[in-house]
Each structure stands twice: as C-alpha cells, then as structure tokens.
Amino acid sequence: MEDKLEAQIKNVMSAIFDIPTNQIGDDASSDTIESWDSLKHMNLIVGLEEEFDIEFNDEDIGSLLNLKLIKLFVEEMVTI
C-alpha cells in the first residue's frame, strides 16, 4: 500500500515524465522510465523541491535516480 509521501512523489514524477501514476512502479528509475533524461531529471528535482519545500544539495541530485532513493531522501528532509 502506497503512503501519502510516495503518492506525492509519484504525482510529481507523473507530471514531469508525462506518464500516468499507475505506470510508476516501485522499481521506477531512469532505466525504466523512457522519458527520464538529464533535463527531465533536473525538472524532477525542482518539482520535488517545490512540492516538499526542501532543497537538495548538488551531491545528492546525481544520486536520485530511482523512486526508492528519492523517497528516502525526501523522508529524511521532510522530517528534519
């Protein structure tokens, strides 16, 4: 079962990658989403920062290449 945070992340991903949320599975990554390129990756980062009112550091941005890692980082930043 999907939690609220994951649903919010998937909504951002859906808007950025122009795919339905039901096509964003637990294994969603830059390897499994065809439209995930470097420009859309940066758009995703900006979208997540705006959605959750957080800011990723430059080092983290390059690591956020799948749903699981994104969720871990967002959870950590939102609870701080």
C-alpha atoms as a PDB file:
ATOM      1  CA  MET A   1       0.000   0.000   0.000  1.00  0.00           C
ATOM      2  CA  GLU A   2       1.257   3.410  -1.005  1.00  0.00           C
ATOM      3  CA  ASP A   3       1.680   6.110   1.605  1.00  0.00           C
ATOM      4  CA  LYS A   4       0.892   9.810   1.174  1.00  0.00           C
ATOM      5  CA  LEU A   5       4.524  10.818   0.647  1.00  0.00           C
ATOM      6  CA  GLU A   6       5.040   8.236  -2.080  1.00  0.00           C
ATOM      7  CA  ALA A   7       1.805   9.308  -3.763  1.00  0.00           C
ATOM      8  CA  GLN A   8       3.012  12.927  -3.782  1.00  0.00           C
ATOM      9  CA  ILE A   9       6.361  11.898  -5.278  1.00  0.00           C
ATOM     10  CA  LYS A  10       4.616   9.826  -7.944  1.00  0.00           C
ATOM     11  CA  ASN A  11       2.354  12.772  -8.789  1.00  0.00           C
ATOM     12  CA  VAL A  12       5.409  14.965  -9.362  1.00  0.00           C
ATOM     13  CA  MET A  13       7.061  12.232 -11.423  1.00  0.00           C
ATOM     14  CA  SER A  14       3.874  11.767 -13.430  1.00  0.00           C
ATOM     15  CA  ALA A  15       3.730  15.453 -14.296  1.00  0.00           C
ATOM     16  CA  ILE A  16       7.426  15.685 -15.205  1.00  0.00           C
ATOM     17  CA  PHE A  17       7.671  12.477 -17.217  1.00  0.00           C
ATOM     18  CA  ASP A  18       4.174  12.759 -18.706  1.00  0.00           C
ATOM     19  CA  ILE A  19       3.109   9.261 -17.693  1.00  0.00           C
ATOM     20  CA  PRO A  20       0.192   8.063 -15.545  1.00  0.00           C
ATOM     21  CA  THR A  21       0.970   7.457 -11.876  1.00  0.00           C
ATOM     22  CA  ASN A  22      -0.115   3.814 -12.234  1.00  0.00           C
ATOM     23  CA  GLN A  23       2.858   3.298 -14.584  1.00  0.00           C
ATOM     24  CA  ILE A  24       5.284   4.397 -11.869  1.00  0.00           C
ATOM     25  CA  GLY A  25       6.100   1.207 -10.007  1.00  0.00           C
ATOM     26  CA  ASP A  26       8.328   0.541  -7.018  1.00  0.00           C
ATOM     27  CA  ASP A  27      11.185  -0.112  -9.444  1.00  0.00           C
ATOM     28  CA  ALA A  28      10.759   3.239 -11.235  1.00  0.00           C
ATOM     29  CA  SER A  29      14.140   4.611 -12.248  1.00  0.00           C
ATOM     30  CA  SER A  30      15.993   6.378 -15.015  1.00  0.00           C
ATOM     31  CA  ASP A  31      16.394   2.901 -16.539  1.00  0.00           C
ATOM     32  CA  THR A  32      12.686   2.008 -16.527  1.00  0.00           C
ATOM     33  CA  ILE A  33      11.127   5.359 -17.491  1.00  0.00           C
ATOM     34  CA  GLU A  34      11.897   6.060 -21.129  1.00  0.00           C
ATOM     35  CA  SER A  35      11.321   9.826 -20.918  1.00  0.00           C
ATOM     36  CA  TRP A  36      13.740  10.245 -17.955  1.00  0.00           C
ATOM     37  CA  ASP A  37      16.653  12.188 -19.433  1.00  0.00           C
ATOM     38  CA  SER A  38      19.036  14.717 -17.888  1.00  0.00           C
ATOM     39  CA  LEU A  39      16.761  17.721 -18.462  1.00  0.00           C
ATOM     40  CA  LYS A  40      13.721  15.972 -17.037  1.00  0.00           C
ATOM     41  CA  HIS A  41      15.848  14.802 -14.117  1.00  0.00           C
ATOM     42  CA  MET A  42      16.571  18.428 -13.244  1.00  0.00           C
ATOM     43  CA  ASN A  43      12.876  19.272 -13.700  1.00  0.00           C
ATOM     44  CA  LEU A  44      12.058  16.422 -11.314  1.00  0.00           C
ATOM     45  CA  ILE A  45      14.477  17.787  -8.714  1.00  0.00           C
ATOM     46  CA  VAL A  46      12.942  21.266  -8.987  1.00  0.00           C
ATOM     47  CA  GLY A  47       9.428  19.801  -8.835  1.00  0.00           C
ATOM     48  CA  LEU A  48      10.244  17.810  -5.698  1.00  0.00           C
ATOM     49  CA  GLU A  49      11.882  20.815  -4.059  1.00  0.00           C
ATOM     50  CA  GLU A  50       8.787  22.910  -4.733  1.00  0.00           C
ATOM     51  CA  GLU A  51       6.338  20.182  -3.687  1.00  0.00           C
ATOM     52  CA  PHE A  52       8.024  19.488  -0.365  1.00  0.00           C
ATOM     53  CA  ASP A  53       9.647  22.900   0.284  1.00  0.00           C
ATOM     54  CA  ILE A  54      13.101  21.328   0.520  1.00  0.00           C
ATOM     55  CA  GLU A  55      16.433  21.804  -1.209  1.00  0.00           C
ATOM     56  CA  PHE A  56      18.707  19.020  -2.395  1.00  0.00           C
ATOM     57  CA  ASN A  57      22.439  19.623  -2.391  1.00  0.00           C
ATOM     58  CA  ASP A  58      24.422  19.187  -5.599  1.00  0.00           C
ATOM     59  CA  GLU A  59      25.931  15.916  -4.408  1.00  0.00           C
ATOM     60  CA  ASP A  60      22.509  14.349  -3.783  1.00  0.00           C
ATOM     61  CA  ILE A  61      20.985  15.415  -7.101  1.00  0.00           C
ATOM     62  CA  GLY A  62      23.093  12.959  -9.107  1.00  0.00           C
ATOM     63  CA  SER A  63      22.118  10.102  -6.795  1.00  0.00           C
ATOM     64  CA  LEU A  64      18.354  10.477  -7.053  1.00  0.00           C
ATOM     65  CA  LEU A  65      17.852   8.111  -9.962  1.00  0.00           C
ATOM     66  CA  ASN A  66      15.058   5.903  -8.672  1.00  0.00           C
ATOM     67  CA  LEU A  67      11.847   6.135  -6.674  1.00  0.00           C
ATOM     68  CA  LYS A  68      13.217   4.333  -3.616  1.00  0.00           C
ATOM     69  CA  LEU A  69      16.179   6.695  -3.208  1.00  0.00           C
ATOM     70  CA  ILE A  70      14.031   9.749  -3.849  1.00  0.00           C
ATOM     71  CA  LYS A  71      11.582   8.624  -1.186  1.00  0.00           C
ATOM     72  CA  LEU A  72      14.395   8.013   1.330  1.00  0.00           C
ATOM     73  CA  PHE A  73      15.914  11.447   0.745  1.00  0.00           C
ATOM     74  CA  VAL A  74      12.555  13.244   0.874  1.00  0.00           C
ATOM     75  CA  GLU A  75      11.506  11.405   4.046  1.00  0.00           C
ATOM     76  CA  GLU A  76      14.742  12.384   5.725  1.00  0.00           C
ATOM     77  CA  MET A  77      14.482  16.028   4.663  1.00  0.00           C
ATOM     78  CA  VAL A  78      10.810  16.452   5.474  1.00  0.00           C
ATOM     79  CA  THR A  79      11.172  15.065   8.999  1.00  0.00           C
ATOM     80  CA  ILE A  80      14.158  17.273   9.893  1.00  0.00           C
END
